[in-house]
Structures are given as structure tokens and as C-alpha cells.
């Protein structure tokens, strides 16, 4: 949402419909009330499949992007990537990939 739209909503206190909030980026999805719990659980499950370290680092960097220069953001991204390479999740992913590659080579 841009600054002009944010100001308009703050200054007027106008309420948005779900569709308006979705269109301007205030929310990222709309759910029917009867589907809300199931869809929220599915989204949480999807997020839970990601590396906790990668999610935390991404959130931290994104939270700082308005205060930092582009070069600083890219530097933080590089640092985050290096940190992620040291996690157990990364090691497990590499081992899984290598095991699948080895199995593929044996069956060919």
C-alpha cells in the first residue's frame, strides 16, 4: 500500500471491505468464515515446512528495509544466506538431495 492510500485511511478512519484490503495489499488472502480455521491451519502448515532460521532472518531483514540502503539490504541478505548454509536444515536438505541423486544413478 502506498503512502497516499495509508494517509487517506488513517486520516478518514474509513473501513475497507475485504476485497479492497486485498487489492491494496493490506491483507494477502480472503477466506469465508466457515473455511477460516482450515485455511489458516493449511497456511501455518505451509509456513512450518520452511527453515525457521531462514524465516526469522527474512523477517528481520524485511523489517529493516525502509531504514537501510539497497546495498545494506543486499549485504544483510548475503549474511543471512551464509548463516543458513550452517543450519541443520540446510545440511539435511543437501543430504536428502545427494541421497536422491545417488539413488537415481543406481537405478539408471
PDB file of N, CA and C in Angstrom:
ATOM      1  N   UNK A   1       0.858  -1.162   0.000  1.00  0.00           N
ATOM      2  CA  UNK A   1       0.000   0.000   0.000  1.00  0.00           C
ATOM      3  C   UNK A   1       0.902   1.221   0.000  1.00  0.00           C
ATOM      4  N   UNK A   2       0.560   2.191  -0.801  1.00  0.00           N
ATOM      5  CA  UNK A   2       1.362   3.401  -0.885  1.00  0.00           C
ATOM      6  C   UNK A   2       1.075   4.360   0.254  1.00  0.00           C
ATOM      7  N   UNK A   3       1.938   5.356   0.369  1.00  0.00           N
ATOM      8  CA  UNK A   3       1.812   6.354   1.421  1.00  0.00           C
ATOM      9  C   UNK A   3       0.511   7.136   1.300  1.00  0.00           C
ATOM     10  N   UNK A   4       0.132   7.501   0.091  1.00  0.00           N
ATOM     11  CA  UNK A   4      -1.099   8.279  -0.090  1.00  0.00           C
ATOM     12  C   UNK A   4      -2.322   7.503   0.398  1.00  0.00           C
ATOM     13  N   UNK A   5      -2.404   6.220   0.046  1.00  0.00           N
ATOM     14  CA  UNK A   5      -3.546   5.403   0.493  1.00  0.00           C
ATOM     15  C   UNK A   5      -3.521   5.221   2.006  1.00  0.00           C
ATOM     16  N   UNK A   6      -2.334   4.996   2.563  1.00  0.00           N
ATOM     17  CA  UNK A   6      -2.219   4.837   4.019  1.00  0.00           C
ATOM     18  C   UNK A   6      -2.696   6.102   4.729  1.00  0.00           C
ATOM     19  N   UNK A   7      -2.280   7.264   4.233  1.00  0.00           N
ATOM     20  CA  UNK A   7      -2.723   8.525   4.845  1.00  0.00           C
ATOM     21  C   UNK A   7      -4.233   8.675   4.752  1.00  0.00           C
ATOM     22  N   UNK A   8      -4.785   8.375   3.587  1.00  0.00           N
ATOM     23  CA  UNK A   8      -6.233   8.508   3.398  1.00  0.00           C
ATOM     24  C   UNK A   8      -6.984   7.637   4.409  1.00  0.00           C
ATOM     25  N   UNK A   9      -6.532   6.414   4.602  1.00  0.00           N
ATOM     26  CA  UNK A   9      -7.216   5.513   5.533  1.00  0.00           C
ATOM     27  C   UNK A   9      -7.029   5.946   6.987  1.00  0.00           C
ATOM     28  N   UNK A  10      -5.846   6.412   7.311  1.00  0.00           N
ATOM     29  CA  UNK A  10      -5.591   6.865   8.684  1.00  0.00           C
ATOM     30  C   UNK A  10      -6.365   8.138   8.981  1.00  0.00           C
ATOM     31  N   UNK A  11      -6.340   9.095   8.076  1.00  0.00           N
ATOM     32  CA  UNK A  11      -6.998  10.379   8.312  1.00  0.00           C
ATOM     33  C   UNK A  11      -8.515  10.268   8.326  1.00  0.00           C
ATOM     34  N   UNK A  12      -9.072   9.377   7.520  1.00  0.00           N
ATOM     35  CA  UNK A  12     -10.532   9.269   7.458  1.00  0.00           C
ATOM     36  C   UNK A  12     -11.083   8.203   8.390  1.00  0.00           C
ATOM     37  N   UNK A  13     -10.274   7.224   8.737  1.00  0.00           N
ATOM     38  CA  UNK A  13     -10.769   6.127   9.557  1.00  0.00           C
ATOM     39  C   UNK A  13     -11.735   5.224   8.799  1.00  0.00           C
ATOM     40  N   UNK A  14     -11.761   5.380   7.495  1.00  0.00           N
ATOM     41  CA  UNK A  14     -12.666   4.598   6.661  1.00  0.00           C
ATOM     42  C   UNK A  14     -12.339   3.111   6.753  1.00  0.00           C
ATOM     43  N   UNK A  15     -13.385   2.297   6.856  1.00  0.00           N
ATOM     44  CA  UNK A  15     -13.210   0.851   6.885  1.00  0.00           C
ATOM     45  C   UNK A  15     -13.201   0.321   5.453  1.00  0.00           C
ATOM     46  N   UNK A  16     -12.375  -0.669   5.232  1.00  0.00           N
ATOM     47  CA  UNK A  16     -12.271  -1.294   3.923  1.00  0.00           C
ATOM     48  C   UNK A  16     -13.054  -2.598   3.903  1.00  0.00           C
ATOM     49  N   UNK A  17     -13.559  -2.936   2.747  1.00  0.00           N
ATOM     50  CA  UNK A  17     -14.107  -4.275   2.566  1.00  0.00           C
ATOM     51  C   UNK A  17     -12.926  -5.234   2.437  1.00  0.00           C
ATOM     52  N   UNK A  18     -13.194  -6.501   2.555  1.00  0.00           N
ATOM     53  CA  UNK A  18     -12.131  -7.499   2.398  1.00  0.00           C
ATOM     54  C   UNK A  18     -11.498  -7.401   1.017  1.00  0.00           C
ATOM     55  N   UNK A  19     -12.313  -7.200   0.002  1.00  0.00           N
ATOM     56  CA  UNK A  19     -11.795  -7.098  -1.370  1.00  0.00           C
ATOM     57  C   UNK A  19     -10.902  -5.865  -1.539  1.00  0.00           C
ATOM     58  N   UNK A  20     -11.301  -4.722  -0.944  1.00  0.00           N
ATOM     59  CA  UNK A  20     -10.461  -3.513  -1.024  1.00  0.00           C
ATOM     60  C   UNK A  20      -9.137  -3.733  -0.302  1.00  0.00           C
ATOM     61  N   UNK A  21      -9.189  -4.353   0.862  1.00  0.00           N
ATOM     62  CA  UNK A  21      -7.971  -4.608   1.626  1.00  0.00           C
ATOM     63  C   UNK A  21      -7.031  -5.534   0.865  1.00  0.00           C
ATOM     64  N   UNK A  22      -7.587  -6.516   0.184  1.00  0.00           N
ATOM     65  CA  UNK A  22      -6.791  -7.425  -0.625  1.00  0.00           C
ATOM     66  C   UNK A  22      -6.171  -6.690  -1.811  1.00  0.00           C
ATOM     67  N   UNK A  23      -6.967  -5.870  -2.474  1.00  0.00           N
ATOM     68  CA  UNK A  23      -6.499  -5.148  -3.667  1.00  0.00           C
ATOM     69  C   UNK A  23      -5.368  -4.174  -3.347  1.00  0.00           C
ATOM     70  N   UNK A  24      -5.388  -3.555  -2.170  1.00  0.00           N
ATOM     71  CA  UNK A  24      -4.354  -2.568  -1.858  1.00  0.00           C
ATOM     72  C   UNK A  24      -3.175  -3.166  -1.089  1.00  0.00           C
ATOM     73  N   UNK A  25      -3.201  -4.478  -0.848  1.00  0.00           N
ATOM     74  CA  UNK A  25      -2.059  -5.126  -0.212  1.00  0.00           C
ATOM     75  C   UNK A  25      -2.065  -5.091   1.300  1.00  0.00           C
ATOM     76  N   UNK A  26      -3.155  -4.695   1.893  1.00  0.00           N
ATOM     77  CA  UNK A  26      -3.230  -4.667   3.357  1.00  0.00           C
ATOM     78  C   UNK A  26      -3.307  -6.089   3.915  1.00  0.00           C
ATOM     79  N   UNK A  27      -3.947  -6.962   3.175  1.00  0.00           N
ATOM     80  CA  UNK A  27      -4.047  -8.370   3.550  1.00  0.00           C
ATOM     81  C   UNK A  27      -3.611  -9.210   2.354  1.00  0.00           C
ATOM     82  N   UNK A  28      -3.290 -10.472   2.589  1.00  0.00           N
ATOM     83  CA  UNK A  28      -2.820 -11.294   1.471  1.00  0.00           C
ATOM     84  C   UNK A  28      -3.788 -12.387   1.049  1.00  0.00           C
ATOM     85  N   UNK A  29      -4.890 -12.529   1.756  1.00  0.00           N
ATOM     86  CA  UNK A  29      -5.887 -13.511   1.354  1.00  0.00           C
ATOM     87  C   UNK A  29      -7.202 -13.245   2.054  1.00  0.00           C
ATOM     88  N   UNK A  30      -8.270 -13.748   1.459  1.00  0.00           N
ATOM     89  CA  UNK A  30      -9.618 -13.612   1.995  1.00  0.00           C
ATOM     90  C   UNK A  30     -10.189 -15.013   2.135  1.00  0.00           C
ATOM     91  N   UNK A  31     -10.888 -15.250   3.221  1.00  0.00           N
ATOM     92  CA  UNK A  31     -11.470 -16.557   3.460  1.00  0.00           C
ATOM     93  C   UNK A  31     -12.908 -16.404   3.923  1.00  0.00           C
ATOM     94  N   UNK A  32     -13.717 -17.345   3.551  1.00  0.00           N
ATOM     95  CA  UNK A  32     -15.078 -17.376   4.056  1.00  0.00           C
ATOM     96  C   UNK A  32     -15.008 -17.804   5.523  1.00  0.00           C
ATOM     97  N   UNK A  33     -15.875 -17.261   6.376  1.00  0.00           N
ATOM     98  CA  UNK A  33     -15.809 -17.592   7.806  1.00  0.00           C
ATOM     99  C   UNK A  33     -15.805 -19.097   8.089  1.00  0.00           C
ATOM    100  N   UNK A  34     -16.599 -19.851   7.338  1.00  0.00           N
ATOM    101  CA  UNK A  34     -16.668 -21.299   7.595  1.00  0.00           C
ATOM    102  C   UNK A  34     -15.387 -22.031   7.186  1.00  0.00           C
ATOM    103  N   UNK A  35     -14.541 -21.397   6.373  1.00  0.00           N
ATOM    104  CA  UNK A  35     -13.281 -22.018   5.935  1.00  0.00           C
ATOM    105  C   UNK A  35     -12.060 -21.451   6.640  1.00  0.00           C
ATOM    106  N   UNK A  36     -12.261 -20.453   7.474  1.00  0.00           N
ATOM    107  CA  UNK A  36     -11.145 -19.710   8.047  1.00  0.00           C
ATOM    108  C   UNK A  36     -10.172 -20.600   8.813  1.00  0.00           C
ATOM    109  N   UNK A  37     -10.657 -21.410   9.720  1.00  0.00           N
ATOM    110  CA  UNK A  37      -9.764 -22.230  10.535  1.00  0.00           C
ATOM    111  C   UNK A  37      -8.974 -23.223   9.675  1.00  0.00           C
ATOM    112  N   UNK A  38      -9.638 -23.888   8.770  1.00  0.00           N
ATOM    113  CA  UNK A  38      -8.950 -24.864   7.912  1.00  0.00           C
ATOM    114  C   UNK A  38      -7.903 -24.183   7.044  1.00  0.00           C
ATOM    115  N   UNK A  39      -8.240 -23.027   6.468  1.00  0.00           N
ATOM    116  CA  UNK A  39      -7.292 -22.323   5.612  1.00  0.00           C
ATOM    117  C   UNK A  39      -6.129 -21.756   6.422  1.00  0.00           C
ATOM    118  N   UNK A  40      -6.400 -21.279   7.637  1.00  0.00           N
ATOM    119  CA  UNK A  40      -5.325 -20.774   8.495  1.00  0.00           C
ATOM    120  C   UNK A  40      -4.379 -21.910   8.892  1.00  0.00           C
ATOM    121  N   UNK A  41      -4.934 -23.065   9.199  1.00  0.00           N
ATOM    122  CA  UNK A  41      -4.099 -24.220   9.555  1.00  0.00           C
ATOM    123  C   UNK A  41      -3.261 -24.681   8.360  1.00  0.00           C
ATOM    124  N   UNK A  42      -3.850 -24.658   7.178  1.00  0.00           N
ATOM    125  CA  UNK A  42      -3.100 -25.045   5.976  1.00  0.00           C
ATOM    126  C   UNK A  42      -1.951 -24.074   5.727  1.00  0.00           C
ATOM    127  N   UNK A  43      -2.217 -22.786   5.904  1.00  0.00           N
ATOM    128  CA  UNK A  43      -1.158 -21.786   5.700  1.00  0.00           C
ATOM    129  C   UNK A  43      -0.059 -21.953   6.745  1.00  0.00           C
ATOM    130  N   UNK A  44      -0.454 -22.180   8.003  1.00  0.00           N
ATOM    131  CA  UNK A  44       0.538 -22.395   9.067  1.00  0.00           C
ATOM    132  C   UNK A  44       1.378 -23.631   8.776  1.00  0.00           C
ATOM    133  N   UNK A  45       0.745 -24.677   8.267  1.00  0.00           N
ATOM    134  CA  UNK A  45       1.472 -25.892   7.910  1.00  0.00           C
ATOM    135  C   UNK A  45       2.465 -25.611   6.792  1.00  0.00           C
ATOM    136  N   UNK A  46       2.038 -24.829   5.804  1.00  0.00           N
ATOM    137  CA  UNK A  46       2.929 -24.458   4.694  1.00  0.00           C
ATOM    138  C   UNK A  46       4.127 -23.663   5.203  1.00  0.00           C
ATOM    139  N   UNK A  47       3.876 -22.698   6.087  1.00  0.00           N
ATOM    140  CA  UNK A  47       4.977 -21.912   6.646  1.00  0.00           C
ATOM    141  C   UNK A  47       5.894 -22.774   7.496  1.00  0.00           C
ATOM    142  N   UNK A  48       5.315 -23.755   8.189  1.00  0.00           N
ATOM    143  CA  UNK A  48       6.093 -24.624   9.055  1.00  0.00           C
ATOM    144  C   UNK A  48       7.036 -25.543   8.311  1.00  0.00           C
ATOM    145  N   UNK A  49       6.851 -25.686   7.019  1.00  0.00           N
ATOM    146  CA  UNK A  49       7.738 -26.536   6.217  1.00  0.00           C
ATOM    147  C   UNK A  49       9.045 -25.827   5.883  1.00  0.00           C
ATOM    148  N   UNK A  50       9.097 -24.527   6.080  1.00  0.00           N
ATOM    149  CA  UNK A  50      10.299 -23.750   5.776  1.00  0.00           C
ATOM    150  C   UNK A  50      11.271 -23.780   6.942  1.00  0.00           C
ATOM    151  N   UNK A  51      12.495 -23.436   6.656  1.00  0.00           N
ATOM    152  CA  UNK A  51      13.526 -23.364   7.680  1.00  0.00           C
ATOM    153  C   UNK A  51      13.208 -22.235   8.660  1.00  0.00           C
ATOM    154  N   UNK A  52      13.146 -22.540   9.952  1.00  0.00           N
ATOM    155  CA  UNK A  52      12.902 -21.476  10.938  1.00  0.00           C
ATOM    156  C   UNK A  52      13.963 -20.374  10.886  1.00  0.00           C
ATOM    157  N   UNK A  53      15.202 -20.761  10.664  1.00  0.00           N
ATOM    158  CA  UNK A  53      16.279 -19.766  10.593  1.00  0.00           C
ATOM    159  C   UNK A  53      16.079 -18.852   9.389  1.00  0.00           C
ATOM    160  N   UNK A  54      15.758 -19.430   8.236  1.00  0.00           N
ATOM    161  CA  UNK A  54      15.555 -18.627   7.029  1.00  0.00           C
ATOM    162  C   UNK A  54      14.362 -17.691   7.191  1.00  0.00           C
ATOM    163  N   UNK A  55      13.288 -18.175   7.787  1.00  0.00           N
ATOM    164  CA  UNK A  55      12.119 -17.321   8.013  1.00  0.00           C
ATOM    165  C   UNK A  55      12.450 -16.166   8.958  1.00  0.00           C
ATOM    166  N   UNK A  56      13.144 -16.472  10.041  1.00  0.00           N
ATOM    167  CA  UNK A  56      13.489 -15.430  11.019  1.00  0.00           C
ATOM    168  C   UNK A  56      14.412 -14.385  10.410  1.00  0.00           C
ATOM    169  N   UNK A  57      15.408 -14.825   9.670  1.00  0.00           N
ATOM    170  CA  UNK A  57      16.324 -13.884   9.035  1.00  0.00           C
ATOM    171  C   UNK A  57      15.609 -13.042   7.988  1.00  0.00           C
ATOM    172  N   UNK A  58      14.746 -13.676   7.207  1.00  0.00           N
ATOM    173  CA  UNK A  58      13.990 -12.937   6.189  1.00  0.00           C
ATOM    174  C   UNK A  58      13.120 -11.871   6.839  1.00  0.00           C
ATOM    175  N   UNK A  59      12.427 -12.249   7.895  1.00  0.00           N
ATOM    176  CA  UNK A  59      11.562 -11.293   8.597  1.00  0.00           C
ATOM    177  C   UNK A  59      12.379 -10.127   9.149  1.00  0.00           C
ATOM    178  N   UNK A  60      13.506 -10.434   9.724  1.00  0.00           N
ATOM    179  CA  UNK A  60      14.361  -9.390  10.290  1.00  0.00           C
ATOM    180  C   UNK A  60      14.833  -8.411   9.219  1.00  0.00           C
ATOM    181  N   UNK A  61      15.262  -8.946   8.086  1.00  0.00           N
ATOM    182  CA  UNK A  61      15.739  -8.080   7.003  1.00  0.00           C
ATOM    183  C   UNK A  61      14.594  -7.244   6.449  1.00  0.00           C
ATOM    184  N   UNK A  62      13.456  -7.872   6.188  1.00  0.00           N
ATOM    185  CA  UNK A  62      12.308  -7.134   5.647  1.00  0.00           C
ATOM    186  C   UNK A  62      11.861  -6.018   6.592  1.00  0.00           C
ATOM    187  N   UNK A  63      11.924  -6.274   7.897  1.00  0.00           N
ATOM    188  CA  UNK A  63      11.532  -5.251   8.870  1.00  0.00           C
ATOM    189  C   UNK A  63      12.451  -4.033   8.842  1.00  0.00           C
ATOM    190  N   UNK A  64      13.656  -4.191   8.326  1.00  0.00           N
ATOM    191  CA  UNK A  64      14.630  -3.096   8.299  1.00  0.00           C
ATOM    192  C   UNK A  64      14.724  -2.375   6.954  1.00  0.00           C
ATOM    193  N   UNK A  65      14.033  -2.852   5.940  1.00  0.00           N
ATOM    194  CA  UNK A  65      14.276  -2.357   4.589  1.00  0.00           C
ATOM    195  C   UNK A  65      13.978  -0.875   4.397  1.00  0.00           C
ATOM    196  N   UNK A  66      13.076  -0.302   5.171  1.00  0.00           N
ATOM    197  CA  UNK A  66      12.771   1.116   4.991  1.00  0.00           C
ATOM    198  C   UNK A  66      13.839   2.024   5.593  1.00  0.00           C
ATOM    199  N   UNK A  67      14.650   1.493   6.491  1.00  0.00           N
ATOM    200  CA  UNK A  67      15.681   2.309   7.139  1.00  0.00           C
ATOM    201  C   UNK A  67      17.060   2.127   6.525  1.00  0.00           C
ATOM    202  N   UNK A  68      17.212   1.144   5.659  1.00  0.00           N
ATOM    203  CA  UNK A  68      18.537   0.829   5.124  1.00  0.00           C
ATOM    204  C   UNK A  68      18.647   1.139   3.639  1.00  0.00           C
ATOM    205  N   UNK A  69      19.875   1.304   3.196  1.00  0.00           N
ATOM    206  CA  UNK A  69      20.114   1.486   1.764  1.00  0.00           C
ATOM    207  C   UNK A  69      20.003   0.128   1.071  1.00  0.00           C
ATOM    208  N   UNK A  70      19.904   0.160  -0.237  1.00  0.00           N
ATOM    209  CA  UNK A  70      19.835  -1.072  -1.013  1.00  0.00           C
ATOM    210  C   UNK A  70      21.079  -1.922  -0.775  1.00  0.00           C
ATOM    211  N   UNK A  71      22.241  -1.275  -0.752  1.00  0.00           N
ATOM    212  CA  UNK A  71      23.487  -2.007  -0.522  1.00  0.00           C
ATOM    213  C   UNK A  71      23.482  -2.696   0.843  1.00  0.00           C
ATOM    214  N   UNK A  72      22.957  -2.009   1.852  1.00  0.00           N
ATOM    215  CA  UNK A  72      22.895  -2.608   3.187  1.00  0.00           C
ATOM    216  C   UNK A  72      21.939  -3.804   3.215  1.00  0.00           C
ATOM    217  N   UNK A  73      20.819  -3.686   2.532  1.00  0.00           N
ATOM    218  CA  UNK A  73      19.860  -4.796   2.477  1.00  0.00           C
ATOM    219  C   UNK A  73      20.491  -5.994   1.780  1.00  0.00           C
ATOM    220  N   UNK A  74      21.175  -5.760   0.662  1.00  0.00           N
ATOM    221  CA  UNK A  74      21.836  -6.862  -0.042  1.00  0.00           C
ATOM    222  C   UNK A  74      22.936  -7.484   0.817  1.00  0.00           C
ATOM    223  N   UNK A  75      23.645  -6.675   1.578  1.00  0.00           N
ATOM    224  CA  UNK A  75      24.683  -7.205   2.464  1.00  0.00           C
ATOM    225  C   UNK A  75      24.061  -8.086   3.541  1.00  0.00           C
ATOM    226  N   UNK A  76      22.943  -7.649   4.103  1.00  0.00           N
ATOM    227  CA  UNK A  76      22.248  -8.473   5.102  1.00  0.00           C
ATOM    228  C   UNK A  76      21.759  -9.776   4.478  1.00  0.00           C
ATOM    229  N   UNK A  77      21.274  -9.695   3.239  1.00  0.00           N
ATOM    230  CA  UNK A  77      20.839 -10.905   2.547  1.00  0.00           C
ATOM    231  C   UNK A  77      21.975 -11.888   2.356  1.00  0.00           C
ATOM    232  N   UNK A  78      23.143 -11.383   2.002  1.00  0.00           N
ATOM    233  CA  UNK A  78      24.316 -12.246   1.838  1.00  0.00           C
ATOM    234  C   UNK A  78      24.711 -12.891   3.161  1.00  0.00           C
ATOM    235  N   UNK A  79      24.677 -12.108   4.228  1.00  0.00           N
ATOM    236  CA  UNK A  79      24.990 -12.646   5.554  1.00  0.00           C
ATOM    237  C   UNK A  79      23.976 -13.713   5.958  1.00  0.00           C
ATOM    238  N   UNK A  80      22.706 -13.443   5.686  1.00  0.00           N
ATOM    239  CA  UNK A  80      21.651 -14.401   6.032  1.00  0.00           C
ATOM    240  C   UNK A  80      21.845 -15.708   5.277  1.00  0.00           C
ATOM    241  N   UNK A  81      22.207 -15.608   4.000  1.00  0.00           N
ATOM    242  CA  UNK A  81      22.431 -16.808   3.210  1.00  0.00           C
ATOM    243  C   UNK A  81      23.588 -17.615   3.792  1.00  0.00           C
ATOM    244  N   UNK A  82      24.639 -16.941   4.183  1.00  0.00           N
ATOM    245  CA  UNK A  82      25.788 -17.632   4.780  1.00  0.00           C
ATOM    246  C   UNK A  82      25.384 -18.320   6.082  1.00  0.00           C
ATOM    247  N   UNK A  83      24.572 -17.639   6.882  1.00  0.00           N
ATOM    248  CA  UNK A  83      24.097 -18.247   8.136  1.00  0.00           C
ATOM    249  C   UNK A  83      23.250 -19.483   7.839  1.00  0.00           C
ATOM    250  N   UNK A  84      22.373 -19.376   6.854  1.00  0.00           N
ATOM    251  CA  UNK A  84      21.503 -20.502   6.513  1.00  0.00           C
ATOM    252  C   UNK A  84      22.299 -21.725   6.069  1.00  0.00           C
ATOM    253  N   UNK A  85      23.437 -21.513   5.425  1.00  0.00           N
ATOM    254  CA  UNK A  85      24.273 -22.636   4.998  1.00  0.00           C
ATOM    255  C   UNK A  85      24.816 -23.430   6.186  1.00  0.00           C
ATOM    256  N   UNK A  86      24.812 -22.839   7.380  1.00  0.00           N
ATOM    257  CA  UNK A  86      25.371 -23.512   8.550  1.00  0.00           C
ATOM    258  C   UNK A  86      24.316 -24.241   9.382  1.00  0.00           C
ATOM    259  N   UNK A  87      23.049 -24.174   8.983  1.00  0.00           N
ATOM    260  CA  UNK A  87      21.983 -24.759   9.805  1.00  0.00           C
ATOM    261  C   UNK A  87      21.821 -26.253   9.550  1.00  0.00           C
ATOM    262  N   UNK A  88      21.221 -26.912  10.515  1.00  0.00           N
ATOM    263  CA  UNK A  88      20.939 -28.338  10.367  1.00  0.00           C
ATOM    264  C   UNK A  88      19.920 -28.574   9.251  1.00  0.00           C
ATOM    265  N   UNK A  89      19.000 -27.630   9.040  1.00  0.00           N
ATOM    266  CA  UNK A  89      18.018 -27.778   7.967  1.00  0.00           C
ATOM    267  C   UNK A  89      18.714 -27.827   6.595  1.00  0.00           C
ATOM    268  N   UNK A  90      19.724 -26.976   6.414  1.00  0.00           N
ATOM    269  CA  UNK A  90      20.454 -26.961   5.148  1.00  0.00           C
ATOM    270  C   UNK A  90      21.205 -28.276   4.952  1.00  0.00           C
ATOM    271  N   UNK A  91      21.883 -28.723   6.004  1.00  0.00           N
ATOM    272  CA  UNK A  91      22.620 -29.983   5.902  1.00  0.00           C
ATOM    273  C   UNK A  91      21.677 -31.137   5.556  1.00  0.00           C
ATOM    274  N   UNK A  92      20.514 -31.172   6.198  1.00  0.00           N
ATOM    275  CA  UNK A  92      19.549 -32.241   5.923  1.00  0.00           C
ATOM    276  C   UNK A  92      19.042 -32.156   4.487  1.00  0.00           C
ATOM    277  N   UNK A  93      18.813 -30.955   3.985  1.00  0.00           N
ATOM    278  CA  UNK A  93      18.359 -30.790   2.598  1.00  0.00           C
ATOM    279  C   UNK A  93      19.416 -31.258   1.608  1.00  0.00           C
ATOM    280  N   UNK A  94      20.666 -30.917   1.866  1.00  0.00           N
ATOM    281  CA  UNK A  94      21.754 -31.338   0.974  1.00  0.00           C
ATOM    282  C   UNK A  94      21.890 -32.859   1.006  1.00  0.00           C
ATOM    283  N   UNK A  95      21.827 -33.444   2.201  1.00  0.00           N
ATOM    284  CA  UNK A  95      21.928 -34.903   2.309  1.00  0.00           C
ATOM    285  C   UNK A  95      20.775 -35.580   1.565  1.00  0.00           C
ATOM    286  N   UNK A  96      19.591 -35.049   1.703  1.00  0.00           N
ATOM    287  CA  UNK A  96      18.428 -35.610   1.003  1.00  0.00           C
ATOM    288  C   UNK A  96      18.621 -35.538  -0.508  1.00  0.00           C
ATOM    289  N   UNK A  97      19.087 -34.383  -0.977  1.00  0.00           N
ATOM    290  CA  UNK A  97      19.335 -34.215  -2.410  1.00  0.00           C
ATOM    291  C   UNK A  97      20.386 -35.206  -2.897  1.00  0.00           C
ATOM    292  N   UNK A  98      21.467 -35.328  -2.146  1.00  0.00           N
ATOM    293  CA  UNK A  98      22.546 -36.231  -2.558  1.00  0.00           C
ATOM    294  C   UNK A  98      22.077 -37.684  -2.532  1.00  0.00           C
ATOM    295  N   UNK A  99      21.268 -38.039  -1.545  1.00  0.00           N
ATOM    296  CA  UNK A  99      20.747 -39.405  -1.484  1.00  0.00           C
ATOM    297  C   UNK A  99      19.831 -39.698  -2.667  1.00  0.00           C
ATOM    298  N   UNK A 100      18.992 -38.743  -3.053  1.00  0.00           N
ATOM    299  CA  UNK A 100      18.121 -38.929  -4.217  1.00  0.00           C
ATOM    300  C   UNK A 100      18.943 -39.027  -5.487  1.00  0.00           C
ATOM    301  N   UNK A 101      20.000 -38.223  -5.589  1.00  0.00           N
ATOM    302  CA  UNK A 101      20.871 -38.267  -6.773  1.00  0.00           C
ATOM    303  C   UNK A 101      21.577 -39.625  -6.845  1.00  0.00           C
ATOM    304  N   UNK A 102      22.029 -40.122  -5.707  1.00  0.00           N
ATOM    305  CA  UNK A 102      22.712 -41.415  -5.676  1.00  0.00           C
ATOM    306  C   UNK A 102      21.753 -42.531  -6.040  1.00  0.00           C
ATOM    307  N   UNK A 103      20.533 -42.485  -5.557  1.00  0.00           N
ATOM    308  CA  UNK A 103      19.539 -43.497  -5.899  1.00  0.00           C
ATOM    309  C   UNK A 103      19.205 -43.447  -7.383  1.00  0.00           C
ATOM    310  N   UNK A 104      19.105 -42.257  -7.938  1.00  0.00           N
ATOM    311  CA  UNK A 104      18.833 -42.110  -9.359  1.00  0.00           C
ATOM    312  C   UNK A 104      19.953 -42.685 -10.208  1.00  0.00           C
ATOM    313  N   UNK A 105      21.188 -42.507  -9.767  1.00  0.00           N
ATOM    314  CA  UNK A 105      22.338 -43.028 -10.522  1.00  0.00           C
ATOM    315  C   UNK A 105      22.373 -44.545 -10.492  1.00  0.00           C
ATOM    316  N   UNK A 106      21.948 -45.155  -9.380  1.00  0.00           N
ATOM    317  CA  UNK A 106      21.961 -46.599  -9.251  1.00  0.00           C
ATOM    318  C   UNK A 106      20.887 -47.223 -10.127  1.00  0.00           C
ATOM    319  N   UNK A 107      19.722 -46.584 -10.229  1.00  0.00           N
ATOM    320  CA  UNK A 107      18.610 -47.181 -10.977  1.00  0.00           C
ATOM    321  C   UNK A 107      18.701 -46.940 -12.475  1.00  0.00           C
ATOM    322  N   UNK A 108      19.588 -46.107 -12.919  1.00  0.00           N
ATOM    323  CA  UNK A 108      19.691 -45.816 -14.368  1.00  0.00           C
ATOM    324  C   UNK A 108      20.362 -46.886 -15.119  1.00  0.00           C
TER     325      UNK A 108
END
